[in-house]
């Protein structure tokens, strides 16, 4: 049995060698029409690897068409792999862009903390003006009705509250005054009876 197997293997090797000599240049030319030079040699190598594995399946009269069909499938496989590679690169670039452009979480937390602390330092009327517009989403005219003042008065109050909030948010923590209690009345917060 072994001598038959060895003889069959020698016959297959001779067949593959002849196939290579007759068709490798044509498979290479086909590959060059569909991929760049650096990939063309890989396509030829892949085609003949398939031919070596399936040497008994190659039709005797249609070897070139069979090889070119394998080459077509191999080229398609390379194109799919390249597309997947480009897609992956694009996805990684988008993720990297998001990471680079998104504010860092610790910076965001620090900014929010500073803003909340600054908000706590405001007088009740200032805090209420800001929250009616920014938190509740009211227009200044509607917020003025809720606050019980004219629209012009509310706009001035809102403008000044924004200025005070910005000033408190930009202060260094050691220079900030102590926050006013949230339920303190305006007269107590301003120091008047």
N, C-alpha and C. Protein backbone atom coordinates (compact mmCIF):
# COMPACT_ATOMS: atom_id res chain seq x y z
N UNK A 1 0.81 -1.19 0.00
CA UNK A 1 0.00 0.00 0.00
C UNK A 1 0.86 1.26 0.00
N UNK A 2 1.92 1.20 0.80
CA UNK A 2 2.76 2.38 0.92
C UNK A 2 3.46 2.72 -0.38
N UNK A 3 3.89 1.71 -1.11
CA UNK A 3 4.57 1.98 -2.38
C UNK A 3 3.59 2.59 -3.38
N UNK A 4 2.31 2.16 -3.32
CA UNK A 4 1.30 2.76 -4.19
C UNK A 4 1.06 4.22 -3.81
N UNK A 5 1.00 4.48 -2.50
CA UNK A 5 0.81 5.86 -2.03
C UNK A 5 1.98 6.73 -2.45
N UNK A 6 3.20 6.22 -2.30
CA UNK A 6 4.38 6.98 -2.67
C UNK A 6 4.41 7.23 -4.17
N UNK A 7 4.04 6.24 -4.92
CA UNK A 7 4.00 6.39 -6.37
C UNK A 7 2.95 7.40 -6.80
N UNK A 8 1.79 7.36 -6.13
CA UNK A 8 0.71 8.30 -6.42
C UNK A 8 1.14 9.72 -6.07
N UNK A 9 1.82 9.87 -4.96
CA UNK A 9 2.29 11.18 -4.53
C UNK A 9 3.33 11.72 -5.51
N UNK A 10 4.22 10.87 -6.00
CA UNK A 10 5.22 11.29 -6.99
C UNK A 10 4.53 11.74 -8.28
N UNK A 11 3.51 11.01 -8.67
CA UNK A 11 2.74 11.35 -9.87
C UNK A 11 2.05 12.70 -9.68
N UNK A 12 1.49 12.94 -8.48
CA UNK A 12 0.83 14.22 -8.21
C UNK A 12 1.83 15.37 -8.21
N UNK A 13 3.02 15.13 -7.63
CA UNK A 13 4.05 16.16 -7.62
C UNK A 13 4.49 16.51 -9.04
N UNK A 14 4.63 15.50 -9.88
CA UNK A 14 5.02 15.73 -11.28
C UNK A 14 3.92 16.51 -11.99
N UNK A 15 2.66 16.15 -11.72
CA UNK A 15 1.52 16.83 -12.34
C UNK A 15 1.47 18.30 -11.91
N UNK A 16 1.70 18.54 -10.62
CA UNK A 16 1.70 19.91 -10.11
C UNK A 16 2.85 20.71 -10.72
N UNK A 17 4.02 20.10 -10.85
CA UNK A 17 5.16 20.78 -11.45
C UNK A 17 4.87 21.16 -12.89
N UNK A 18 4.26 20.26 -13.63
CA UNK A 18 3.91 20.55 -15.03
C UNK A 18 2.86 21.66 -15.08
N UNK A 19 1.90 21.57 -14.20
CA UNK A 19 0.85 22.60 -14.13
C UNK A 19 1.47 23.97 -13.85
N UNK A 20 2.41 24.02 -12.93
CA UNK A 20 3.10 25.27 -12.59
C UNK A 20 3.82 25.83 -13.82
N UNK A 21 4.58 24.99 -14.49
CA UNK A 21 5.35 25.45 -15.65
C UNK A 21 4.43 25.93 -16.77
N UNK A 22 3.30 25.28 -16.96
CA UNK A 22 2.39 25.64 -18.05
C UNK A 22 1.52 26.86 -17.73
N UNK A 23 1.13 27.01 -16.47
CA UNK A 23 0.06 27.97 -16.18
C UNK A 23 0.38 29.07 -15.17
N UNK A 24 1.46 28.98 -14.46
CA UNK A 24 1.74 29.97 -13.41
C UNK A 24 1.80 31.39 -13.96
N UNK A 25 2.43 31.56 -15.11
CA UNK A 25 2.55 32.91 -15.68
C UNK A 25 1.18 33.45 -16.10
N UNK A 26 0.28 32.56 -16.52
CA UNK A 26 -1.06 33.02 -16.93
C UNK A 26 -1.92 33.35 -15.71
N UNK A 27 -1.77 32.57 -14.66
CA UNK A 27 -2.48 32.88 -13.42
C UNK A 27 -1.96 34.20 -12.85
N UNK A 28 -0.64 34.40 -12.95
CA UNK A 28 -0.04 35.65 -12.49
C UNK A 28 -0.57 36.84 -13.29
N UNK A 29 -0.66 36.69 -14.60
CA UNK A 29 -1.19 37.77 -15.45
C UNK A 29 -2.64 38.08 -15.07
N UNK A 30 -3.43 37.04 -14.81
CA UNK A 30 -4.82 37.24 -14.38
C UNK A 30 -4.84 38.01 -13.05
N UNK A 31 -4.01 37.60 -12.13
CA UNK A 31 -3.97 38.25 -10.82
C UNK A 31 -3.56 39.72 -10.95
N UNK A 32 -2.60 40.01 -11.82
CA UNK A 32 -2.15 41.39 -12.01
C UNK A 32 -3.26 42.30 -12.53
N UNK A 33 -4.21 41.74 -13.26
CA UNK A 33 -5.33 42.54 -13.76
C UNK A 33 -6.31 42.91 -12.64
N UNK A 34 -6.24 42.19 -11.53
CA UNK A 34 -7.25 42.39 -10.49
C UNK A 34 -6.72 42.89 -9.15
N UNK A 35 -5.43 42.74 -8.92
CA UNK A 35 -4.83 43.21 -7.67
C UNK A 35 -3.51 43.87 -7.98
N UNK A 36 -2.94 44.56 -7.00
CA UNK A 36 -1.65 45.20 -7.24
C UNK A 36 -0.53 44.15 -7.24
N UNK A 37 0.64 44.59 -7.65
CA UNK A 37 1.77 43.69 -7.87
C UNK A 37 2.12 42.90 -6.61
N UNK A 38 2.09 43.57 -5.46
CA UNK A 38 2.48 42.88 -4.23
C UNK A 38 1.51 41.76 -3.87
N UNK A 39 0.26 41.90 -4.22
CA UNK A 39 -0.73 40.86 -3.91
C UNK A 39 -0.79 39.78 -4.98
N UNK A 40 -0.38 40.10 -6.19
CA UNK A 40 -0.49 39.14 -7.30
C UNK A 40 0.28 37.85 -7.00
N UNK A 41 1.46 37.98 -6.43
CA UNK A 41 2.24 36.79 -6.10
C UNK A 41 1.56 35.95 -5.02
N UNK A 42 0.91 36.63 -4.07
CA UNK A 42 0.16 35.90 -3.04
C UNK A 42 -1.01 35.14 -3.65
N UNK A 43 -1.66 35.76 -4.61
CA UNK A 43 -2.79 35.09 -5.29
C UNK A 43 -2.29 33.83 -6.00
N UNK A 44 -1.20 33.95 -6.74
CA UNK A 44 -0.64 32.79 -7.45
C UNK A 44 -0.28 31.69 -6.45
N UNK A 45 0.36 32.06 -5.36
CA UNK A 45 0.74 31.07 -4.35
C UNK A 45 -0.50 30.38 -3.78
N UNK A 46 -1.54 31.17 -3.50
CA UNK A 46 -2.78 30.59 -2.95
C UNK A 46 -3.46 29.66 -3.96
N UNK A 47 -3.44 30.06 -5.22
CA UNK A 47 -4.06 29.22 -6.26
C UNK A 47 -3.35 27.87 -6.35
N UNK A 48 -2.04 27.90 -6.35
CA UNK A 48 -1.32 26.63 -6.48
C UNK A 48 -1.33 25.82 -5.19
N UNK A 49 -1.56 26.46 -4.09
CA UNK A 49 -1.76 25.71 -2.85
C UNK A 49 -3.08 24.93 -2.93
N UNK A 50 -4.11 25.58 -3.45
CA UNK A 50 -5.39 24.89 -3.64
C UNK A 50 -5.21 23.77 -4.66
N UNK A 51 -4.47 24.06 -5.71
CA UNK A 51 -4.24 23.03 -6.74
C UNK A 51 -3.50 21.83 -6.14
N UNK A 52 -2.52 22.08 -5.31
CA UNK A 52 -1.77 20.99 -4.68
C UNK A 52 -2.69 20.15 -3.79
N UNK A 53 -3.57 20.84 -3.04
CA UNK A 53 -4.48 20.11 -2.14
C UNK A 53 -5.54 19.33 -2.92
N UNK A 54 -5.92 19.86 -4.08
CA UNK A 54 -7.02 19.24 -4.82
C UNK A 54 -6.57 18.75 -6.19
N UNK A 55 -5.34 18.32 -6.27
CA UNK A 55 -4.74 17.91 -7.55
C UNK A 55 -5.58 16.89 -8.29
N UNK A 56 -6.22 15.99 -7.54
CA UNK A 56 -7.04 14.96 -8.19
C UNK A 56 -8.36 15.52 -8.72
N UNK A 57 -8.76 16.70 -8.29
CA UNK A 57 -10.03 17.29 -8.72
C UNK A 57 -9.87 18.19 -9.95
N UNK A 58 -8.64 18.45 -10.36
CA UNK A 58 -8.41 19.34 -11.51
C UNK A 58 -8.73 18.58 -12.79
N UNK A 59 -9.64 19.12 -13.62
CA UNK A 59 -9.97 18.43 -14.87
C UNK A 59 -8.78 18.46 -15.83
N UNK A 60 -8.52 17.37 -16.49
CA UNK A 60 -7.35 17.24 -17.36
C UNK A 60 -7.43 18.20 -18.55
N UNK A 61 -8.59 18.39 -19.13
CA UNK A 61 -8.71 19.22 -20.34
C UNK A 61 -8.97 20.69 -20.04
N UNK A 62 -9.31 21.03 -18.81
CA UNK A 62 -9.65 22.43 -18.51
C UNK A 62 -8.87 22.93 -17.30
N UNK A 63 -7.59 22.69 -17.32
CA UNK A 63 -6.79 23.08 -16.16
C UNK A 63 -6.71 24.59 -15.99
N UNK A 64 -6.50 25.33 -17.09
CA UNK A 64 -6.39 26.79 -16.97
C UNK A 64 -7.70 27.41 -16.49
N UNK A 65 -8.85 27.05 -17.08
CA UNK A 65 -10.10 27.61 -16.55
C UNK A 65 -10.30 27.29 -15.06
N UNK A 66 -9.94 26.08 -14.68
CA UNK A 66 -10.08 25.69 -13.27
C UNK A 66 -9.19 26.57 -12.39
N UNK A 67 -7.93 26.76 -12.81
CA UNK A 67 -7.00 27.58 -12.05
C UNK A 67 -7.45 29.05 -11.99
N UNK A 68 -7.97 29.56 -13.11
CA UNK A 68 -8.43 30.95 -13.12
C UNK A 68 -9.70 31.13 -12.28
N UNK A 69 -10.52 30.11 -12.20
CA UNK A 69 -11.68 30.17 -11.31
C UNK A 69 -11.23 30.24 -9.85
N UNK A 70 -10.24 29.42 -9.53
CA UNK A 70 -9.68 29.47 -8.17
C UNK A 70 -9.06 30.85 -7.94
N UNK A 71 -8.39 31.39 -8.96
CA UNK A 71 -7.79 32.72 -8.84
C UNK A 71 -8.85 33.78 -8.61
N UNK A 72 -9.98 33.68 -9.31
CA UNK A 72 -11.07 34.64 -9.12
C UNK A 72 -11.57 34.61 -7.68
N UNK A 73 -11.77 33.40 -7.16
CA UNK A 73 -12.21 33.27 -5.77
C UNK A 73 -11.16 33.82 -4.79
N UNK A 74 -9.91 33.57 -5.10
CA UNK A 74 -8.83 34.05 -4.24
C UNK A 74 -8.75 35.57 -4.25
N UNK A 75 -8.88 36.16 -5.44
CA UNK A 75 -8.88 37.63 -5.56
C UNK A 75 -10.06 38.21 -4.77
N UNK A 76 -11.22 37.61 -4.91
CA UNK A 76 -12.40 38.09 -4.17
C UNK A 76 -12.16 38.01 -2.67
N UNK A 77 -11.53 36.93 -2.23
CA UNK A 77 -11.22 36.77 -0.81
C UNK A 77 -10.27 37.86 -0.34
N UNK A 78 -9.26 38.18 -1.16
CA UNK A 78 -8.32 39.24 -0.81
C UNK A 78 -9.03 40.60 -0.74
N UNK A 79 -9.93 40.85 -1.70
CA UNK A 79 -10.68 42.13 -1.70
C UNK A 79 -11.55 42.24 -0.45
N UNK A 80 -12.22 41.15 -0.08
CA UNK A 80 -13.05 41.16 1.13
C UNK A 80 -12.19 41.43 2.36
N UNK A 81 -11.04 40.79 2.42
CA UNK A 81 -10.14 40.99 3.57
C UNK A 81 -9.67 42.43 3.63
N UNK A 82 -9.35 43.00 2.47
CA UNK A 82 -8.91 44.40 2.44
C UNK A 82 -10.03 45.34 2.87
N UNK A 83 -11.25 45.06 2.37
CA UNK A 83 -12.40 45.87 2.75
C UNK A 83 -12.64 45.81 4.26
N UNK A 84 -12.57 44.59 4.80
CA UNK A 84 -12.73 44.44 6.26
C UNK A 84 -11.64 45.21 6.99
N UNK A 85 -10.42 45.14 6.46
CA UNK A 85 -9.31 45.87 7.08
C UNK A 85 -9.54 47.37 7.05
N UNK A 86 -10.01 47.90 5.90
CA UNK A 86 -10.29 49.33 5.79
C UNK A 86 -11.44 49.72 6.71
N UNK A 87 -12.49 48.88 6.75
CA UNK A 87 -13.61 49.16 7.64
C UNK A 87 -13.16 49.21 9.08
N UNK A 88 -12.32 48.27 9.45
CA UNK A 88 -11.80 48.24 10.81
C UNK A 88 -10.96 49.48 11.10
N UNK A 89 -10.12 49.86 10.14
CA UNK A 89 -9.30 51.06 10.32
C UNK A 89 -10.18 52.30 10.48
N UNK A 90 -11.25 52.39 9.67
CA UNK A 90 -12.16 53.53 9.78
C UNK A 90 -12.85 53.55 11.13
N UNK A 91 -13.29 52.38 11.58
CA UNK A 91 -13.95 52.31 12.89
C UNK A 91 -12.98 52.70 14.00
N UNK A 92 -11.75 52.21 13.91
CA UNK A 92 -10.76 52.56 14.92
C UNK A 92 -10.44 54.05 14.88
N UNK A 93 -10.40 54.63 13.68
CA UNK A 93 -10.14 56.07 13.55
C UNK A 93 -11.29 56.87 14.17
N UNK A 94 -12.54 56.42 13.95
CA UNK A 94 -13.68 57.11 14.55
C UNK A 94 -13.63 57.03 16.07
N UNK A 95 -13.30 55.85 16.58
CA UNK A 95 -13.20 55.69 18.03
C UNK A 95 -12.08 56.56 18.58
N UNK A 96 -10.94 56.56 17.91
CA UNK A 96 -9.81 57.38 18.36
C UNK A 96 -10.19 58.86 18.33
N UNK A 97 -10.93 59.27 17.29
CA UNK A 97 -11.37 60.66 17.18
C UNK A 97 -12.31 61.01 18.33
N UNK A 98 -13.21 60.10 18.65
CA UNK A 98 -14.13 60.34 19.77
C UNK A 98 -13.37 60.47 21.08
N UNK A 99 -12.40 59.59 21.26
CA UNK A 99 -11.61 59.62 22.49
C UNK A 99 -10.83 60.93 22.59
N UNK A 100 -10.27 61.36 21.47
CA UNK A 100 -9.44 62.57 21.49
C UNK A 100 -10.27 63.84 21.61
N UNK A 101 -11.48 63.85 21.02
CA UNK A 101 -12.28 65.08 21.02
C UNK A 101 -13.24 65.16 22.20
N UNK A 102 -13.62 64.03 22.77
CA UNK A 102 -14.54 64.06 23.90
C UNK A 102 -13.81 64.55 25.14
N UNK A 103 -14.51 65.37 25.92
CA UNK A 103 -13.85 65.81 27.15
C UNK A 103 -13.62 64.62 28.07
N UNK A 104 -12.52 64.65 28.73
CA UNK A 104 -12.22 63.55 29.64
C UNK A 104 -13.22 63.57 30.77
N UNK A 105 -13.57 62.41 31.26
CA UNK A 105 -14.58 62.27 32.30
C UNK A 105 -14.18 63.02 33.55
N UNK A 106 -12.92 62.93 33.95
CA UNK A 106 -12.50 63.62 35.17
C UNK A 106 -12.59 65.13 35.01
N UNK A 107 -12.32 65.65 33.80
CA UNK A 107 -12.45 67.08 33.55
C UNK A 107 -13.91 67.50 33.63
N UNK A 108 -14.77 66.66 33.04
CA UNK A 108 -16.20 66.97 33.08
C UNK A 108 -16.74 66.99 34.50
N UNK A 109 -16.35 66.00 35.27
CA UNK A 109 -16.80 65.93 36.66
C UNK A 109 -16.30 67.14 37.43
N UNK A 110 -15.06 67.52 37.21
CA UNK A 110 -14.49 68.68 37.88
C UNK A 110 -15.25 69.95 37.50
N UNK A 111 -15.55 70.11 36.21
CA UNK A 111 -16.29 71.28 35.74
C UNK A 111 -17.69 71.31 36.34
N UNK A 112 -18.37 70.16 36.34
CA UNK A 112 -19.71 70.10 36.89
C UNK A 112 -19.69 70.38 38.39
N UNK A 113 -18.70 69.85 39.08
CA UNK A 113 -18.57 70.09 40.51
C UNK A 113 -18.38 71.59 40.77
N UNK A 114 -17.51 72.22 40.01
CA UNK A 114 -17.27 73.66 40.18
C UNK A 114 -18.54 74.45 39.91
N UNK A 115 -19.29 74.05 38.89
CA UNK A 115 -20.52 74.75 38.55
C UNK A 115 -21.56 74.58 39.65
N UNK A 116 -21.70 73.37 40.16
CA UNK A 116 -22.67 73.13 41.25
C UNK A 116 -22.28 73.89 42.51
N UNK A 117 -20.99 73.92 42.82
CA UNK A 117 -20.54 74.67 44.00
C UNK A 117 -20.80 76.16 43.80
N UNK A 118 -20.54 76.65 42.58
CA UNK A 118 -20.79 78.06 42.30
C UNK A 118 -22.28 78.37 42.38
N UNK A 119 -23.10 77.46 41.92
CA UNK A 119 -24.55 77.63 41.99
C UNK A 119 -25.01 77.70 43.45
N UNK A 120 -24.41 76.88 44.29
CA UNK A 120 -24.76 76.88 45.72
C UNK A 120 -24.36 78.18 46.40
N UNK A 121 -23.38 78.91 45.87
CA UNK A 121 -22.94 80.16 46.47
C UNK A 121 -23.84 81.34 46.12
N UNK A 122 -24.70 81.16 45.14
CA UNK A 122 -25.56 82.26 44.71
C UNK A 122 -26.69 82.52 45.70
N UNK A 123 -27.20 83.73 45.64
CA UNK A 123 -28.39 84.05 46.42
C UNK A 123 -29.56 83.26 45.84
N UNK A 124 -30.59 83.07 46.62
CA UNK A 124 -31.75 82.29 46.19
C UNK A 124 -32.37 82.85 44.90
N UNK A 125 -32.49 84.18 44.82
CA UNK A 125 -33.13 84.79 43.65
C UNK A 125 -32.30 84.54 42.39
N UNK A 126 -30.98 84.63 42.51
CA UNK A 126 -30.10 84.37 41.36
C UNK A 126 -30.19 82.91 40.95
N UNK A 127 -30.10 82.03 41.94
CA UNK A 127 -30.17 80.60 41.66
C UNK A 127 -31.50 80.25 41.01
N UNK A 128 -32.59 80.81 41.53
CA UNK A 128 -33.91 80.52 40.98
C UNK A 128 -34.02 81.02 39.54
N UNK A 129 -33.48 82.21 39.25
CA UNK A 129 -33.53 82.75 37.89
C UNK A 129 -32.80 81.82 36.92
N UNK A 130 -31.61 81.38 37.33
CA UNK A 130 -30.84 80.47 36.46
C UNK A 130 -31.55 79.14 36.26
N UNK A 131 -32.08 78.58 37.32
CA UNK A 131 -32.71 77.27 37.23
C UNK A 131 -34.01 77.31 36.44
N UNK A 132 -34.78 78.40 36.56
CA UNK A 132 -36.01 78.51 35.78
C UNK A 132 -35.72 78.47 34.28
N UNK A 133 -34.63 79.10 33.88
CA UNK A 133 -34.29 79.15 32.45
C UNK A 133 -33.51 77.91 32.02
N UNK A 134 -32.43 77.58 32.74
CA UNK A 134 -31.54 76.49 32.31
C UNK A 134 -32.11 75.11 32.64
N UNK A 135 -32.69 74.95 33.80
CA UNK A 135 -33.16 73.62 34.22
C UNK A 135 -34.58 73.35 33.76
N UNK A 136 -35.46 74.34 34.01
CA UNK A 136 -36.87 74.14 33.66
C UNK A 136 -37.17 74.47 32.21
N UNK A 137 -36.25 75.15 31.54
CA UNK A 137 -36.39 75.42 30.11
C UNK A 137 -37.38 76.53 29.78
N UNK A 138 -37.66 77.40 30.73
CA UNK A 138 -38.60 78.49 30.46
C UNK A 138 -37.91 79.63 29.72
N UNK A 139 -38.70 80.35 28.96
CA UNK A 139 -38.16 81.57 28.35
C UNK A 139 -38.06 82.62 29.45
N UNK A 140 -37.23 83.66 29.27
CA UNK A 140 -37.15 84.69 30.31
C UNK A 140 -38.51 85.34 30.61
N UNK A 141 -39.35 85.50 29.60
CA UNK A 141 -40.67 86.09 29.84
C UNK A 141 -41.53 85.20 30.72
N UNK A 142 -41.54 83.89 30.43
CA UNK A 142 -42.32 82.95 31.25
C UNK A 142 -41.72 82.81 32.64
N UNK A 143 -40.40 82.81 32.72
CA UNK A 143 -39.73 82.70 34.02
C UNK A 143 -40.05 83.93 34.88
N UNK A 144 -40.19 85.11 34.25
CA UNK A 144 -40.53 86.33 34.99
C UNK A 144 -41.89 86.19 35.66
N UNK A 145 -42.83 85.56 34.97
CA UNK A 145 -44.16 85.34 35.56
C UNK A 145 -44.06 84.45 36.79
N UNK A 146 -43.24 83.38 36.67
CA UNK A 146 -43.08 82.46 37.81
C UNK A 146 -42.39 83.18 38.97
N UNK A 147 -41.41 84.03 38.66
CA UNK A 147 -40.66 84.75 39.70
C UNK A 147 -41.45 85.91 40.28
N UNK A 148 -42.54 86.31 39.62
CA UNK A 148 -43.38 87.39 40.14
C UNK A 148 -42.80 88.76 39.90
N UNK A 149 -42.14 88.95 38.76
CA UNK A 149 -41.59 90.26 38.43
C UNK A 149 -41.79 90.53 36.95
N UNK A 150 -41.45 91.74 36.53
CA UNK A 150 -41.60 92.07 35.11
C UNK A 150 -40.53 91.34 34.30
N UNK A 151 -40.77 91.22 32.98
CA UNK A 151 -39.80 90.55 32.10
C UNK A 151 -38.49 91.31 32.09
N UNK A 152 -38.53 92.63 32.10
CA UNK A 152 -37.31 93.44 32.08
C UNK A 152 -36.51 93.21 33.36
N UNK A 153 -37.19 93.20 34.48
CA UNK A 153 -36.51 92.97 35.76
C UNK A 153 -35.88 91.58 35.79
N UNK A 154 -36.62 90.60 35.28
CA UNK A 154 -36.10 89.24 35.29
C UNK A 154 -34.87 89.12 34.39
N UNK A 155 -34.90 89.77 33.24
CA UNK A 155 -33.74 89.70 32.33
C UNK A 155 -32.49 90.28 33.00
N UNK A 156 -32.66 91.38 33.71
CA UNK A 156 -31.52 91.98 34.44
C UNK A 156 -31.05 91.01 35.52
N UNK A 157 -31.99 90.43 36.27
CA UNK A 157 -31.64 89.47 37.32
C UNK A 157 -30.90 88.27 36.74
N UNK A 158 -31.39 87.76 35.60
CA UNK A 158 -30.76 86.61 34.95
C UNK A 158 -29.36 86.95 34.48
N UNK A 159 -29.20 88.13 33.90
CA UNK A 159 -27.88 88.55 33.43
C UNK A 159 -26.88 88.63 34.59
N UNK A 160 -27.32 89.25 35.68
CA UNK A 160 -26.43 89.38 36.85
C UNK A 160 -26.16 88.02 37.49
N UNK A 161 -27.15 87.16 37.51
CA UNK A 161 -26.96 85.81 38.08
C UNK A 161 -25.94 85.03 37.26
N UNK A 162 -26.00 85.17 35.95
CA UNK A 162 -25.00 84.49 35.10
C UNK A 162 -23.60 85.02 35.35
N UNK A 163 -23.49 86.32 35.53
CA UNK A 163 -22.18 86.92 35.81
C UNK A 163 -21.63 86.41 37.15
N UNK A 164 -22.49 86.38 38.17
CA UNK A 164 -22.06 85.91 39.49
C UNK A 164 -21.67 84.43 39.44
N UNK A 165 -22.47 83.64 38.71
CA UNK A 165 -22.17 82.21 38.58
C UNK A 165 -20.81 82.01 37.93
N UNK A 166 -20.56 82.74 36.86
CA UNK A 166 -19.27 82.64 36.17
C UNK A 166 -18.13 83.05 37.10
N UNK A 167 -18.33 84.12 37.83
CA UNK A 167 -17.27 84.59 38.74
C UNK A 167 -16.99 83.55 39.82
N UNK A 168 -18.04 82.98 40.41
CA UNK A 168 -17.84 81.96 41.45
C UNK A 168 -17.19 80.70 40.87
N UNK A 169 -17.58 80.30 39.66
CA UNK A 169 -17.04 79.08 39.04
C UNK A 169 -15.55 79.23 38.72
N UNK A 170 -15.13 80.47 38.44
CA UNK A 170 -13.73 80.71 38.09
C UNK A 170 -12.83 80.95 39.30
N UNK A 171 -13.43 81.15 40.48
CA UNK A 171 -12.64 81.36 41.68
C UNK A 171 -11.91 80.09 42.08
N UNK A 172 -10.76 80.27 42.68
CA UNK A 172 -10.03 79.11 43.22
C UNK A 172 -10.81 78.63 44.44
N UNK A 173 -10.83 77.32 44.67
CA UNK A 173 -11.63 76.76 45.76
C UNK A 173 -11.32 77.38 47.13
N UNK A 174 -10.07 77.70 47.41
CA UNK A 174 -9.74 78.24 48.73
C UNK A 174 -10.24 79.67 48.92
N UNK A 175 -10.59 80.37 47.85
CA UNK A 175 -11.04 81.76 47.94
C UNK A 175 -12.56 81.87 47.90
N UNK A 176 -13.24 80.77 47.67
CA UNK A 176 -14.70 80.82 47.57
C UNK A 176 -15.33 81.04 48.95
N UNK A 177 -16.40 81.87 49.01
CA UNK A 177 -17.13 82.00 50.27
C UNK A 177 -17.91 80.72 50.54
N UNK A 178 -18.36 80.56 51.76
CA UNK A 178 -19.15 79.39 52.12
C UNK A 178 -20.50 79.46 51.43
N UNK A 179 -21.01 78.30 50.95
CA UNK A 179 -22.31 78.30 50.28
C UNK A 179 -23.42 78.75 51.24
N UNK A 180 -24.40 79.42 50.65
CA UNK A 180 -25.59 79.84 51.38
C UNK A 180 -26.51 78.65 51.44
N UNK A 181 -27.14 78.41 52.55
CA UNK A 181 -28.06 77.28 52.67
C UNK A 181 -29.16 77.42 51.63
N UNK A 182 -29.59 76.31 51.08
CA UNK A 182 -30.54 76.32 49.98
C UNK A 182 -31.89 76.90 50.35
N UNK A 183 -32.32 76.78 51.60
CA UNK A 183 -33.65 77.24 51.99
C UNK A 183 -33.61 78.56 52.74
N UNK A 184 -32.50 79.26 52.68
CA UNK A 184 -32.39 80.53 53.38
C UNK A 184 -33.18 81.58 52.63
N UNK A 185 -33.80 82.45 53.32
CA UNK A 185 -34.57 83.50 52.65
C UNK A 185 -33.62 84.53 52.07
N UNK A 186 -34.14 85.34 51.16
CA UNK A 186 -33.30 86.37 50.53
C UNK A 186 -32.76 87.36 51.55
N UNK A 187 -33.59 87.76 52.47
CA UNK A 187 -33.12 88.76 53.43
C UNK A 187 -32.01 88.22 54.29
N UNK A 188 -32.08 86.93 54.69
CA UNK A 188 -31.02 86.35 55.50
C UNK A 188 -29.75 86.18 54.69
N UNK A 189 -29.89 85.73 53.43
CA UNK A 189 -28.73 85.52 52.58
C UNK A 189 -28.01 86.82 52.29
N UNK A 190 -28.75 87.91 52.22
CA UNK A 190 -28.12 89.19 51.93
C UNK A 190 -27.65 89.88 53.21
N UNK A 191 -27.97 89.29 54.34
CA UNK A 191 -27.51 89.84 55.60
C UNK A 191 -28.44 90.91 56.16
N UNK A 192 -29.66 91.04 55.63
CA UNK A 192 -30.61 92.02 56.16
C UNK A 192 -31.71 91.30 56.91
N UNK A 193 -32.28 91.91 57.92
CA UNK A 193 -33.36 91.27 58.67
C UNK A 193 -34.66 91.19 57.91
